[in-house]
Amino acid sequence: MSTYTYTPTGVCSKEIKFDLEDGKLHNLSFKSGCPGNLSAISKLVEGKDAREIADILRGNLCAGRGTSCADQLSKAIDQALAQ
């Protein structure tokens, strides 16, 4: 299992951290941001295929920011899978 840490931009969250094992997401956590929503995202994606989750969340926007914590997660996943 590999652990990845990503620093998002343009959102309230300051850090996204997760594990990847056999292409599946585990132990997703966000530092700062909207705790209820981000906790729910973490629960919903646990054990799911990382590529599929990135494709679902990519382009999700928050309050005119041009991105969101979910969109930033998709970028984090893409980066991790490219390594």
Protein backbone atom coordinates (compact mmCIF):
# COMPACT_ATOMS: atom_id res chain seq x y z
CA MET A 1 0.00 0.00 0.00
CA SER A 2 1.36 3.43 -0.96
CA THR A 3 0.43 6.67 0.82
CA TYR A 4 0.01 9.90 -1.14
CA THR A 5 -0.23 13.48 0.08
CA TYR A 6 -1.46 16.29 -2.15
CA THR A 7 -1.67 20.04 -1.53
CA PRO A 8 -4.85 21.33 -3.16
CA THR A 9 -5.20 24.84 -4.59
CA GLY A 10 -8.20 27.17 -4.77
CA VAL A 11 -10.16 25.40 -2.02
CA CYS A 12 -10.55 25.51 1.76
CA SER A 13 -8.88 22.14 2.30
CA LYS A 14 -5.12 22.39 2.90
CA GLU A 15 -4.13 18.75 2.38
CA ILE A 16 -5.50 15.56 0.87
CA LYS A 17 -4.03 12.25 1.99
CA PHE A 18 -4.92 8.73 0.90
CA ASP A 19 -3.58 5.24 0.34
CA LEU A 20 -3.66 3.28 -2.90
CA GLU A 21 -3.57 -0.48 -3.00
CA ASP A 22 -4.19 -2.41 -6.21
CA GLY A 23 -5.79 0.71 -7.72
CA LYS A 24 -8.24 1.10 -4.83
CA LEU A 25 -8.59 4.13 -2.52
CA HIS A 26 -8.21 3.72 1.23
CA ASN A 27 -7.95 5.98 4.29
CA LEU A 28 -8.84 9.23 2.48
CA SER A 29 -8.59 12.29 4.69
CA PHE A 30 -8.76 16.04 4.18
CA LYS A 31 -7.11 18.66 6.38
CA SER A 32 -9.48 21.65 6.84
CA GLY A 33 -12.43 22.30 4.55
CA CYS A 34 -16.10 21.38 5.09
CA PRO A 35 -15.88 18.52 7.60
CA GLY A 36 -19.30 16.98 6.96
CA ASN A 37 -19.00 16.89 3.18
CA LEU A 38 -15.38 15.76 3.15
CA SER A 39 -16.02 13.06 5.73
CA ALA A 40 -18.89 11.79 3.57
CA ILE A 41 -16.69 11.73 0.45
CA SER A 42 -14.06 9.77 2.40
CA LYS A 43 -16.63 7.16 3.43
CA LEU A 44 -18.16 6.91 -0.05
CA VAL A 45 -14.86 6.28 -1.86
CA GLU A 46 -13.33 3.78 0.61
CA GLY A 47 -12.23 0.68 -1.28
CA LYS A 48 -13.44 1.99 -4.65
CA ASP A 49 -11.48 2.04 -7.89
CA ALA A 50 -9.32 5.21 -7.88
CA ARG A 51 -9.56 5.88 -11.63
CA GLU A 52 -13.36 5.60 -11.54
CA ILE A 53 -13.59 7.97 -8.56
CA ALA A 54 -11.31 10.52 -10.28
CA ASP A 55 -13.48 10.39 -13.42
CA ILE A 56 -16.67 10.92 -11.39
CA LEU A 57 -15.33 13.85 -9.32
CA ARG A 58 -13.34 15.66 -12.03
CA GLY A 59 -14.89 19.03 -12.90
CA ASN A 60 -17.07 19.30 -9.80
CA LEU A 61 -17.10 23.01 -8.86
CA CYS A 62 -17.62 24.91 -5.59
CA ALA A 63 -18.95 28.46 -5.23
CA GLY A 64 -17.43 29.94 -8.40
CA ARG A 65 -13.90 28.82 -7.48
CA GLY A 66 -13.34 26.93 -10.72
CA THR A 67 -12.57 23.82 -8.66
CA SER A 68 -13.67 22.06 -5.46
CA CYS A 69 -12.22 19.69 -2.90
CA ALA A 70 -13.71 16.81 -4.91
CA ASP A 71 -12.13 18.14 -8.12
CA GLN A 72 -8.81 18.55 -6.30
CA LEU A 73 -9.11 14.93 -5.14
CA SER A 74 -9.43 13.88 -8.79
CA LYS A 75 -6.19 15.77 -9.55
CA ALA A 76 -4.49 14.10 -6.57
CA ILE A 77 -5.59 10.66 -7.76
CA ASP A 78 -4.42 11.37 -11.33
CA GLN A 79 -1.04 12.46 -10.01
CA ALA A 80 -0.71 9.39 -7.77
CA LEU A 81 -1.66 6.99 -10.55
CA ALA A 82 0.85 8.60 -12.91
CA GLN A 83 3.74 7.84 -10.51
